[in-house]
Amino acid sequence: MKCLSAKSGLGVLLSAILVSTASLSIAQNSPAVGAQGKTEALWFGQAGFRIKSPQGKMILIDPWITGGPKTPSIYKNDLAAIGPIDVLLVTHAHVDHLGDAPAVAKMNNIKLYGPADMVTPLTTLGILPADLGYRFNKTGRVTPAPGIKVTAVQAEHSSLLVWKNPATDKMESHPAGEPMGFIIELENGFKIWHMGDTGLFSDMKFIGEHYKPDLVMVPIGGNFTMAPDDAAFALRTWIKPKMVIPMHYNSNPMTKGTLAEFQEAMKGSNIKIIPMTEGETVQF
């Protein structure tokens, strides 16, 4: 009996080890493993963000850095201070969004991903080497780095490339296609909707329901984009994300919308507002 009991106990122990080993193997093969780190967002001002993904990929969006009036001096005076970048996204050609993107692309030898008809004049005018431009359009999806998916979505705005021609020393204006926003899905499935510059449009409801963003980066400055009350209406009525970071305010005297006005318009909502100051980093 004792011998049988000992053998039975050994069998139970071996079974437990096998189960534990199998569980470990499943965990190691799970796509969630290695994707459990924090997501970080650094705000440079206006619509410029650097996002660090759970697996450490650095994603730069709309980098108006050296020209941004509210960019912290550590970055404004030394573009290299933003560090190595893996993914570069630009929503449209206005200077406060395109900004330093061509320089960043060349510094890091990476592609600039953006609206097709914005990337084309950048390359044909010689602003960006042709091999560093990547063209895509609304509902197009790209995988600019392993585990990172970016889908282009609608933005209700305009897009114009203003460029100083070195041959004539004169400023020129060039059509630059249509603006867009980005749904950025990180390795762990966390989704960020960077709206770019946009006014209200009813398909915000469709985008919210279809892509289900966890975090929305929303312009609130008014004049060129939604004002605080319109941004709040879109978020509360149509999109209903978990979190929101207000952006595109406080850098241009023509965009008078304020954080306080946005917070007031969002009262009663359970959407978490994450107010940021230029140069601040937050984690999710």
C-alpha atoms as a PDB file:
ATOM      1  CA  MET A   1       0.000   0.000   0.000  1.00  0.00           C
ATOM      2  CA  LYS A   2       2.773   2.407   0.949  1.00  0.00           C
ATOM      3  CA  CYS A   3       4.707   1.479  -2.190  1.00  0.00           C
ATOM      4  CA  LEU A   4       1.592   1.932  -4.349  1.00  0.00           C
ATOM      5  CA  SER A   5       0.918   5.251  -2.641  1.00  0.00           C
ATOM      6  CA  ALA A   6       4.478   6.396  -3.325  1.00  0.00           C
ATOM      7  CA  LYS A   7       4.177   5.440  -6.979  1.00  0.00           C
ATOM      8  CA  SER A   8       0.811   7.217  -7.196  1.00  0.00           C
ATOM      9  CA  GLY A   9       2.339  10.304  -5.595  1.00  0.00           C
ATOM     10  CA  LEU A  10       5.221  10.220  -8.069  1.00  0.00           C
ATOM     11  CA  GLY A  11       2.724   9.936 -10.918  1.00  0.00           C
ATOM     12  CA  VAL A  12       0.821  12.963  -9.676  1.00  0.00           C
ATOM     13  CA  LEU A  13       4.078  14.917  -9.387  1.00  0.00           C
ATOM     14  CA  LEU A  14       5.159  13.951 -12.911  1.00  0.00           C
ATOM     15  CA  SER A  15       1.725  14.895 -14.255  1.00  0.00           C
ATOM     16  CA  ALA A  16       1.954  18.273 -12.553  1.00  0.00           C
ATOM     17  CA  ILE A  17       5.408  18.867 -14.059  1.00  0.00           C
ATOM     18  CA  LEU A  18       4.130  17.938 -17.516  1.00  0.00           C
ATOM     19  CA  VAL A  19       1.129  20.261 -17.165  1.00  0.00           C
ATOM     20  CA  SER A  20       3.362  23.092 -15.960  1.00  0.00           C
ATOM     21  CA  THR A  21       5.785  22.527 -18.848  1.00  0.00           C
ATOM     22  CA  ALA A  22       2.936  22.503 -21.348  1.00  0.00           C
ATOM     23  CA  SER A  23       1.534  25.713 -19.864  1.00  0.00           C
ATOM     24  CA  LEU A  24       4.958  27.352 -20.091  1.00  0.00           C
ATOM     25  CA  SER A  25       5.254  26.275 -23.728  1.00  0.00           C
ATOM     26  CA  ILE A  26       1.838  27.769 -24.538  1.00  0.00           C
ATOM     27  CA  ALA A  27       2.767  30.989 -22.787  1.00  0.00           C
ATOM     28  CA  GLN A  28       6.053  31.230 -24.672  1.00  0.00           C
ATOM     29  CA  ASN A  29       4.245  30.743 -27.982  1.00  0.00           C
ATOM     30  CA  SER A  30       1.510  33.242 -27.122  1.00  0.00           C
ATOM     31  CA  PRO A  31       1.673  36.508 -29.113  1.00  0.00           C
ATOM     32  CA  ALA A  32       0.968  38.413 -25.903  1.00  0.00           C
ATOM     33  CA  VAL A  33       4.307  37.413 -24.375  1.00  0.00           C
ATOM     34  CA  GLY A  34       6.892  40.113 -24.933  1.00  0.00           C
ATOM     35  CA  ALA A  35       4.106  42.594 -25.671  1.00  0.00           C
ATOM     36  CA  GLN A  36       3.209  43.327 -22.074  1.00  0.00           C
ATOM     37  CA  GLY A  37       5.432  46.380 -21.590  1.00  0.00           C
ATOM     38  CA  LYS A  38       4.107  49.874 -21.128  1.00  0.00           C
ATOM     39  CA  THR A  39       3.073  52.159 -23.955  1.00  0.00           C
ATOM     40  CA  GLU A  40       4.551  55.648 -23.634  1.00  0.00           C
ATOM     41  CA  ALA A  41       3.593  58.889 -25.376  1.00  0.00           C
ATOM     42  CA  LEU A  42       5.778  62.002 -25.437  1.00  0.00           C
ATOM     43  CA  TRP A  43       4.098  65.216 -26.631  1.00  0.00           C
ATOM     44  CA  PHE A  44       6.267  67.725 -28.492  1.00  0.00           C
ATOM     45  CA  GLY A  45       3.377  70.155 -28.965  1.00  0.00           C
ATOM     46  CA  GLN A  46       0.665  70.712 -31.583  1.00  0.00           C
ATOM     47  CA  ALA A  47       0.056  67.231 -33.118  1.00  0.00           C
ATOM     48  CA  GLY A  48       3.586  65.885 -32.630  1.00  0.00           C
ATOM     49  CA  PHE A  49       4.007  62.709 -30.572  1.00  0.00           C
ATOM     50  CA  ARG A  50       6.632  60.046 -30.085  1.00  0.00           C
ATOM     51  CA  ILE A  51       5.031  56.761 -29.059  1.00  0.00           C
ATOM     52  CA  LYS A  52       7.056  53.949 -27.542  1.00  0.00           C
ATOM     53  CA  SER A  53       5.362  50.622 -28.184  1.00  0.00           C
ATOM     54  CA  PRO A  54       5.251  47.749 -25.648  1.00  0.00           C
ATOM     55  CA  GLN A  55       8.185  46.103 -27.454  1.00  0.00           C
ATOM     56  CA  GLY A  56      10.193  49.319 -27.642  1.00  0.00           C
ATOM     57  CA  LYS A  57       9.455  50.531 -31.181  1.00  0.00           C
ATOM     58  CA  MET A  58       9.645  54.321 -31.487  1.00  0.00           C
ATOM     59  CA  ILE A  59       6.829  55.804 -33.571  1.00  0.00           C
ATOM     60  CA  LEU A  60       7.007  59.495 -34.504  1.00  0.00           C
ATOM     61  CA  ILE A  61       3.903  61.341 -35.714  1.00  0.00           C
ATOM     62  CA  ASP A  62       3.692  64.856 -37.234  1.00  0.00           C
ATOM     63  CA  PRO A  63       7.095  66.054 -35.936  1.00  0.00           C
ATOM     64  CA  TRP A  64       6.924  69.866 -35.965  1.00  0.00           C
ATOM     65  CA  ILE A  65       9.865  70.057 -33.581  1.00  0.00           C
ATOM     66  CA  THR A  66      12.543  72.593 -34.501  1.00  0.00           C
ATOM     67  CA  GLY A  67       9.882  75.049 -35.699  1.00  0.00           C
ATOM     68  CA  GLY A  68       7.316  74.421 -32.979  1.00  0.00           C
ATOM     69  CA  PRO A  69       6.912  77.448 -30.675  1.00  0.00           C
ATOM     70  CA  LYS A  70       6.161  75.262 -27.641  1.00  0.00           C
ATOM     71  CA  THR A  71       8.702  72.500 -28.307  1.00  0.00           C
ATOM     72  CA  PRO A  72      10.999  72.070 -25.272  1.00  0.00           C
ATOM     73  CA  SER A  73      14.444  73.494 -26.014  1.00  0.00           C
ATOM     74  CA  ILE A  74      16.191  70.141 -25.531  1.00  0.00           C
ATOM     75  CA  TYR A  75      14.465  68.932 -28.747  1.00  0.00           C
ATOM     76  CA  LYS A  76      13.990  72.252 -30.517  1.00  0.00           C
ATOM     77  CA  ASN A  77      17.726  72.983 -30.499  1.00  0.00           C
ATOM     78  CA  ASP A  78      18.856  69.441 -31.293  1.00  0.00           C
ATOM     79  CA  LEU A  79      16.643  67.258 -33.448  1.00  0.00           C
ATOM     80  CA  ALA A  80      18.844  64.242 -32.679  1.00  0.00           C
ATOM     81  CA  ALA A  81      17.661  64.479 -29.039  1.00  0.00           C
ATOM     82  CA  ILE A  82      14.403  62.754 -30.015  1.00  0.00           C
ATOM     83  CA  GLY A  83      16.470  59.575 -30.334  1.00  0.00           C
ATOM     84  CA  PRO A  84      16.342  56.773 -32.925  1.00  0.00           C
ATOM     85  CA  ILE A  85      12.989  56.417 -34.684  1.00  0.00           C
ATOM     86  CA  ASP A  86      11.580  53.183 -36.148  1.00  0.00           C
ATOM     87  CA  VAL A  87       8.311  54.408 -37.680  1.00  0.00           C
ATOM     88  CA  LEU A  88       7.581  57.862 -39.141  1.00  0.00           C
ATOM     89  CA  LEU A  89       3.996  58.959 -39.870  1.00  0.00           C
ATOM     90  CA  VAL A  90       2.740  62.264 -41.289  1.00  0.00           C
ATOM     91  CA  THR A  91      -0.975  63.058 -41.563  1.00  0.00           C
ATOM     92  CA  HIS A  92      -0.728  65.902 -44.122  1.00  0.00           C
ATOM     93  CA  ALA A  93       1.626  68.494 -45.601  1.00  0.00           C
ATOM     94  CA  HIS A  94       0.955  71.601 -43.512  1.00  0.00           C
ATOM     95  CA  VAL A  95       4.187  72.782 -41.948  1.00  0.00           C
ATOM     96  CA  ASP A  96       3.026  72.183 -38.356  1.00  0.00           C
ATOM     97  CA  HIS A  97       2.628  68.481 -39.228  1.00  0.00           C
ATOM     98  CA  LEU A  98       5.191  67.727 -41.928  1.00  0.00           C
ATOM     99  CA  GLY A  99       7.716  69.838 -40.014  1.00  0.00           C
ATOM    100  CA  ASP A 100      11.000  67.959 -39.579  1.00  0.00           C
ATOM    101  CA  ALA A 101       9.764  64.658 -41.023  1.00  0.00           C
ATOM    102  CA  PRO A 102      12.023  64.642 -44.120  1.00  0.00           C
ATOM    103  CA  ALA A 103      15.058  65.363 -41.932  1.00  0.00           C
ATOM    104  CA  VAL A 104      14.067  62.584 -39.497  1.00  0.00           C
ATOM    105  CA  ALA A 105      13.612  60.131 -42.371  1.00  0.00           C
ATOM    106  CA  LYS A 106      17.110  60.890 -43.651  1.00  0.00           C
ATOM    107  CA  MET A 107      18.703  60.863 -40.174  1.00  0.00           C
ATOM    108  CA  ASN A 108      17.286  57.416 -39.406  1.00  0.00           C
ATOM    109  CA  ASN A 109      17.244  56.042 -42.978  1.00  0.00           C
ATOM    110  CA  ILE A 110      13.567  55.137 -42.578  1.00  0.00           C
ATOM    111  CA  LYS A 111      10.512  55.606 -44.744  1.00  0.00           C
ATOM    112  CA  LEU A 112       8.105  58.484 -44.285  1.00  0.00           C
ATOM    113  CA  TYR A 113       4.576  57.033 -44.380  1.00  0.00           C
ATOM    114  CA  GLY A 114       1.874  59.446 -45.460  1.00  0.00           C
ATOM    115  CA  PRO A 115      -0.886  60.365 -47.924  1.00  0.00           C
ATOM    116  CA  ALA A 116       0.061  59.224 -51.415  1.00  0.00           C
ATOM    117  CA  ASP A 117      -0.285  62.627 -53.045  1.00  0.00           C
ATOM    118  CA  MET A 118       1.751  64.296 -50.306  1.00  0.00           C
ATOM    119  CA  VAL A 119       4.658  61.872 -50.566  1.00  0.00           C
ATOM    120  CA  THR A 120       4.815  62.254 -54.358  1.00  0.00           C
ATOM    121  CA  PRO A 121       5.646  66.003 -54.427  1.00  0.00           C
ATOM    122  CA  LEU A 122       8.080  65.502 -51.539  1.00  0.00           C
ATOM    123  CA  THR A 123      10.044  63.093 -53.726  1.00  0.00           C
ATOM    124  CA  THR A 124       9.621  64.824 -57.103  1.00  0.00           C
ATOM    125  CA  LEU A 125      10.745  68.156 -55.656  1.00  0.00           C
ATOM    126  CA  GLY A 126      13.787  66.499 -54.096  1.00  0.00           C
ATOM    127  CA  ILE A 127      12.743  67.212 -50.502  1.00  0.00           C
ATOM    128  CA  LEU A 128      12.756  63.500 -49.700  1.00  0.00           C
ATOM    129  CA  PRO A 129      14.722  60.697 -51.417  1.00  0.00           C
ATOM    130  CA  ALA A 130      12.355  58.508 -53.409  1.00  0.00           C
ATOM    131  CA  ASP A 131      13.364  55.367 -51.517  1.00  0.00           C
ATOM    132  CA  LEU A 132      12.397  56.987 -48.207  1.00  0.00           C
ATOM    133  CA  GLY A 133       8.811  57.773 -49.190  1.00  0.00           C
ATOM    134  CA  TYR A 134       5.897  55.366 -48.727  1.00  0.00           C
ATOM    135  CA  ARG A 135       2.528  56.255 -50.274  1.00  0.00           C
ATOM    136  CA  PHE A 136      -0.808  54.967 -49.000  1.00  0.00           C
ATOM    137  CA  ASN A 137      -4.384  56.199 -48.789  1.00  0.00           C
ATOM    138  CA  LYS A 138      -7.508  56.008 -46.658  1.00  0.00           C
ATOM    139  CA  THR A 139      -8.379  52.486 -45.450  1.00  0.00           C
ATOM    140  CA  GLY A 140      -4.953  51.391 -46.639  1.00  0.00           C
ATOM    141  CA  ARG A 141      -3.100  49.409 -43.992  1.00  0.00           C
ATOM    142  CA  VAL A 142       0.656  49.094 -43.621  1.00  0.00           C
ATOM    143  CA  THR A 143       2.989  47.235 -41.274  1.00  0.00           C
ATOM    144  CA  PRO A 144       5.921  49.648 -40.951  1.00  0.00           C
ATOM    145  CA  ALA A 145       7.584  47.582 -38.199  1.00  0.00           C
ATOM    146  CA  PRO A 146       7.057  44.052 -36.851  1.00  0.00           C
ATOM    147  CA  GLY A 147       3.881  43.953 -34.767  1.00  0.00           C
ATOM    148  CA  ILE A 148       2.844  47.518 -35.664  1.00  0.00           C
ATOM    149  CA  LYS A 149      -0.193  48.049 -37.924  1.00  0.00           C
ATOM    150  CA  VAL A 150      -1.230  51.465 -39.213  1.00  0.00           C
ATOM    151  CA  THR A 151      -4.509  52.084 -41.019  1.00  0.00           C
ATOM    152  CA  ALA A 152      -5.200  55.390 -42.746  1.00  0.00           C
ATOM    153  CA  VAL A 153      -8.618  56.865 -41.995  1.00  0.00           C
ATOM    154  CA  GLN A 154     -10.564  59.947 -42.974  1.00  0.00           C
ATOM    155  CA  ALA A 155      -9.771  63.457 -41.771  1.00  0.00           C
ATOM    156  CA  GLU A 156     -11.861  66.482 -42.752  1.00  0.00           C
ATOM    157  CA  HIS A 157      -9.228  69.112 -43.508  1.00  0.00           C
ATOM    158  CA  SER A 158      -6.910  70.313 -46.306  1.00  0.00           C
ATOM    159  CA  SER A 159      -3.303  69.715 -47.333  1.00  0.00           C
ATOM    160  CA  LEU A 160      -0.835  72.054 -49.028  1.00  0.00           C
ATOM    161  CA  LEU A 161       2.934  71.829 -49.329  1.00  0.00           C
ATOM    162  CA  VAL A 162       4.713  75.180 -49.015  1.00  0.00           C
ATOM    163  CA  TRP A 163       8.361  74.930 -50.077  1.00  0.00           C
ATOM    164  CA  LYS A 164      11.233  77.311 -50.681  1.00  0.00           C
ATOM    165  CA  ASN A 165      12.694  76.535 -54.082  1.00  0.00           C
ATOM    166  CA  PRO A 166      16.493  76.628 -53.708  1.00  0.00           C
ATOM    167  CA  ALA A 167      16.887  77.482 -57.414  1.00  0.00           C
ATOM    168  CA  THR A 168      14.775  80.640 -57.208  1.00  0.00           C
ATOM    169  CA  ASP A 169      14.890  81.336 -53.454  1.00  0.00           C
ATOM    170  CA  LYS A 170      11.117  81.841 -53.638  1.00  0.00           C
ATOM    171  CA  MET A 171       8.307  80.163 -51.703  1.00  0.00           C
ATOM    172  CA  GLU A 172       6.090  77.846 -53.730  1.00  0.00           C
ATOM    173  CA  SER A 173       2.762  76.172 -52.968  1.00  0.00           C
ATOM    174  CA  HIS A 174       2.100  72.642 -54.210  1.00  0.00           C
ATOM    175  CA  PRO A 175      -1.053  70.494 -53.944  1.00  0.00           C
ATOM    176  CA  ALA A 176      -0.426  67.707 -51.443  1.00  0.00           C
ATOM    177  CA  GLY A 177      -3.365  65.361 -51.673  1.00  0.00           C
ATOM    178  CA  GLU A 178      -5.871  64.735 -48.909  1.00  0.00           C
ATOM    179  CA  PRO A 179      -5.185  64.668 -45.178  1.00  0.00           C
ATOM    180  CA  MET A 180      -5.794  61.588 -43.089  1.00  0.00           C
ATOM    181  CA  GLY A 181      -5.715  60.225 -39.566  1.00  0.00           C
ATOM    182  CA  PHE A 182      -4.113  57.014 -38.357  1.00  0.00           C
ATOM    183  CA  ILE A 183      -5.335  53.997 -36.404  1.00  0.00           C
ATOM    184  CA  ILE A 184      -2.117  52.684 -34.867  1.00  0.00           C
ATOM    185  CA  GLU A 185      -2.343  49.161 -33.459  1.00  0.00           C
ATOM    186  CA  LEU A 186       0.564  48.156 -31.225  1.00  0.00           C
ATOM    187  CA  GLU A 187       1.975  44.681 -30.554  1.00  0.00           C
ATOM    188  CA  ASN A 188      -0.395  44.015 -27.644  1.00  0.00           C
ATOM    189  CA  GLY A 189      -3.509  45.117 -29.544  1.00  0.00           C
ATOM    190  CA  PHE A 190      -3.698  48.593 -27.963  1.00  0.00           C
ATOM    191  CA  LYS A 191      -5.153  50.997 -30.544  1.00  0.00           C
ATOM    192  CA  ILE A 192      -4.459  54.721 -30.854  1.00  0.00           C
ATOM    193  CA  TRP A 193      -6.429  56.991 -33.186  1.00  0.00           C
ATOM    194  CA  HIS A 194      -4.287  60.009 -34.049  1.00  0.00           C
ATOM    195  CA  MET A 195      -6.845  62.206 -35.788  1.00  0.00           C
ATOM    196  CA  GLY A 196      -4.394  64.593 -37.426  1.00  0.00           C
ATOM    197  CA  ASP A 197      -6.193  67.846 -38.230  1.00  0.00           C
ATOM    198  CA  THR A 198      -9.914  67.403 -38.675  1.00  0.00           C
ATOM    199  CA  GLY A 199     -13.326  68.954 -38.371  1.00  0.00           C
ATOM    200  CA  LEU A 200     -16.438  67.020 -37.467  1.00  0.00           C
ATOM    201  CA  PHE A 201     -17.661  64.340 -39.867  1.00  0.00           C
ATOM    202  CA  SER A 202     -20.308  61.730 -39.221  1.00  0.00           C
ATOM    203  CA  ASP A 203     -18.088  58.769 -40.180  1.00  0.00           C
ATOM    204  CA  MET A 204     -16.226  59.333 -36.926  1.00  0.00           C
ATOM    205  CA  LYS A 205     -18.972  57.091 -35.557  1.00  0.00           C
ATOM    206  CA  PHE A 206     -18.164  54.372 -38.097  1.00  0.00           C
ATOM    207  CA  ILE A 207     -14.408  54.630 -37.430  1.00  0.00           C
ATOM    208  CA  GLY A 208     -15.002  54.383 -33.685  1.00  0.00           C
ATOM    209  CA  GLU A 209     -17.299  51.373 -34.022  1.00  0.00           C
ATOM    210  CA  HIS A 210     -15.175  49.562 -36.611  1.00  0.00           C
ATOM    211  CA  TYR A 211     -11.667  50.083 -35.223  1.00  0.00           C
ATOM    212  CA  LYS A 212     -12.537  50.519 -31.529  1.00  0.00           C
ATOM    213  CA  PRO A 213      -9.618  52.774 -30.514  1.00  0.00           C
ATOM    214  CA  ASP A 214      -8.565  52.663 -26.875  1.00  0.00           C
ATOM    215  CA  LEU A 215      -6.982  56.125 -26.992  1.00  0.00           C
ATOM    216  CA  VAL A 216      -7.861  59.080 -29.225  1.00  0.00           C
ATOM    217  CA  MET A 217      -5.521  62.024 -29.851  1.00  0.00           C
ATOM    218  CA  VAL A 218      -7.968  64.767 -30.770  1.00  0.00           C
ATOM    219  CA  PRO A 219      -7.483  68.348 -32.020  1.00  0.00           C
ATOM    220  CA  ILE A 220      -9.379  70.943 -29.967  1.00  0.00           C
ATOM    221  CA  GLY A 221      -7.930  74.304 -31.031  1.00  0.00           C
ATOM    222  CA  GLY A 222     -10.680  75.393 -33.410  1.00  0.00           C
ATOM    223  CA  ASN A 223     -10.397  77.603 -36.525  1.00  0.00           C
ATOM    224  CA  PHE A 224      -8.519  74.959 -38.559  1.00  0.00           C
ATOM    225  CA  THR A 225      -9.957  71.959 -36.668  1.00  0.00           C
ATOM    226  CA  MET A 226     -12.688  71.094 -34.204  1.00  0.00           C
ATOM    227  CA  ALA A 227     -13.189  73.459 -31.302  1.00  0.00           C
ATOM    228  CA  PRO A 228     -13.377  71.999 -27.769  1.00  0.00           C
ATOM    229  CA  ASP A 229     -17.168  71.576 -27.811  1.00  0.00           C
ATOM    230  CA  ASP A 230     -17.216  69.823 -31.206  1.00  0.00           C
ATOM    231  CA  ALA A 231     -14.358  67.521 -30.160  1.00  0.00           C
ATOM    232  CA  ALA A 232     -16.257  66.649 -26.976  1.00  0.00           C
ATOM    233  CA  PHE A 233     -19.438  65.976 -28.970  1.00  0.00           C
ATOM    234  CA  ALA A 234     -17.619  63.571 -31.284  1.00  0.00           C
ATOM    235  CA  LEU A 235     -16.001  61.700 -28.420  1.00  0.00           C
ATOM    236  CA  ARG A 236     -19.077  61.459 -26.199  1.00  0.00           C
ATOM    237  CA  THR A 237     -21.660  60.766 -28.900  1.00  0.00           C
ATOM    238  CA  TRP A 238     -19.892  58.818 -31.624  1.00  0.00           C
ATOM    239  CA  ILE A 239     -16.462  57.465 -30.674  1.00  0.00           C
ATOM    240  CA  LYS A 240     -16.640  56.612 -26.943  1.00  0.00           C
ATOM    241  CA  PRO A 241     -12.995  55.602 -26.384  1.00  0.00           C
ATOM    242  CA  LYS A 242     -11.500  54.729 -23.015  1.00  0.00           C
ATOM    243  CA  MET A 243      -9.056  57.658 -23.050  1.00  0.00           C
ATOM    244  CA  VAL A 244      -8.388  60.907 -24.883  1.00  0.00           C
ATOM    245  CA  ILE A 245      -5.388  63.221 -25.210  1.00  0.00           C
ATOM    246  CA  PRO A 246      -6.308  66.726 -26.437  1.00  0.00           C
ATOM    247  CA  MET A 247      -3.842  68.205 -28.934  1.00  0.00           C
ATOM    248  CA  HIS A 248      -3.433  70.915 -31.581  1.00  0.00           C
ATOM    249  CA  TYR A 249      -3.976  73.865 -29.267  1.00  0.00           C
ATOM    250  CA  ASN A 250      -1.761  76.304 -27.371  1.00  0.00           C
ATOM    251  CA  SER A 251       0.713  76.787 -30.261  1.00  0.00           C
ATOM    252  CA  ASN A 252      -1.053  79.158 -32.653  1.00  0.00           C
ATOM    253  CA  PRO A 253      -2.926  82.356 -31.698  1.00  0.00           C
ATOM    254  CA  MET A 254      -5.550  81.505 -34.337  1.00  0.00           C
ATOM    255  CA  THR A 255      -6.461  78.252 -32.534  1.00  0.00           C
ATOM    256  CA  LYS A 256      -8.009  79.651 -29.388  1.00  0.00           C
ATOM    257  CA  GLY A 257      -9.588  76.492 -27.977  1.00  0.00           C
ATOM    258  CA  THR A 258      -8.333  75.648 -24.483  1.00  0.00           C
ATOM    259  CA  LEU A 259      -7.931  72.584 -22.331  1.00  0.00           C
ATOM    260  CA  ALA A 260     -10.278  74.095 -19.720  1.00  0.00           C
ATOM    261  CA  GLU A 261     -13.026  74.500 -22.339  1.00  0.00           C
ATOM    262  CA  PHE A 262     -12.557  70.914 -23.458  1.00  0.00           C
ATOM    263  CA  GLN A 263     -12.677  69.596 -19.893  1.00  0.00           C
ATOM    264  CA  GLU A 264     -15.861  71.570 -19.271  1.00  0.00           C
ATOM    265  CA  ALA A 265     -17.475  70.171 -22.427  1.00  0.00           C
ATOM    266  CA  MET A 266     -16.517  66.629 -21.353  1.00  0.00           C
ATOM    267  CA  LYS A 267     -18.104  66.890 -17.884  1.00  0.00           C
ATOM    268  CA  GLY A 268     -20.260  63.891 -17.047  1.00  0.00           C
ATOM    269  CA  SER A 269     -18.422  61.591 -19.450  1.00  0.00           C
ATOM    270  CA  ASN A 270     -16.554  58.519 -18.209  1.00  0.00           C
ATOM    271  CA  ILE A 271     -13.900  58.948 -20.915  1.00  0.00           C
ATOM    272  CA  LYS A 272     -10.575  59.559 -19.187  1.00  0.00           C
ATOM    273  CA  ILE A 273      -8.966  62.843 -20.220  1.00  0.00           C
ATOM    274  CA  ILE A 274      -5.168  62.803 -20.167  1.00  0.00           C
ATOM    275  CA  PRO A 275      -4.023  66.443 -20.244  1.00  0.00           C
ATOM    276  CA  MET A 276      -0.377  66.872 -21.240  1.00  0.00           C
ATOM    277  CA  THR A 277       2.141  69.674 -21.308  1.00  0.00           C
ATOM    278  CA  GLU A 278       4.737  69.969 -24.049  1.00  0.00           C
ATOM    279  CA  GLY A 279       7.686  67.694 -23.283  1.00  0.00           C
ATOM    280  CA  GLU A 280       5.690  65.479 -20.918  1.00  0.00           C
ATOM    281  CA  THR A 281       5.618  61.672 -21.188  1.00  0.00           C
ATOM    282  CA  VAL A 282       2.683  59.537 -20.062  1.00  0.00           C
ATOM    283  CA  GLN A 283       2.363  55.760 -19.775  1.00  0.00           C
ATOM    284  CA  PHE A 284      -0.553  53.410 -20.445  1.00  0.00           C
END
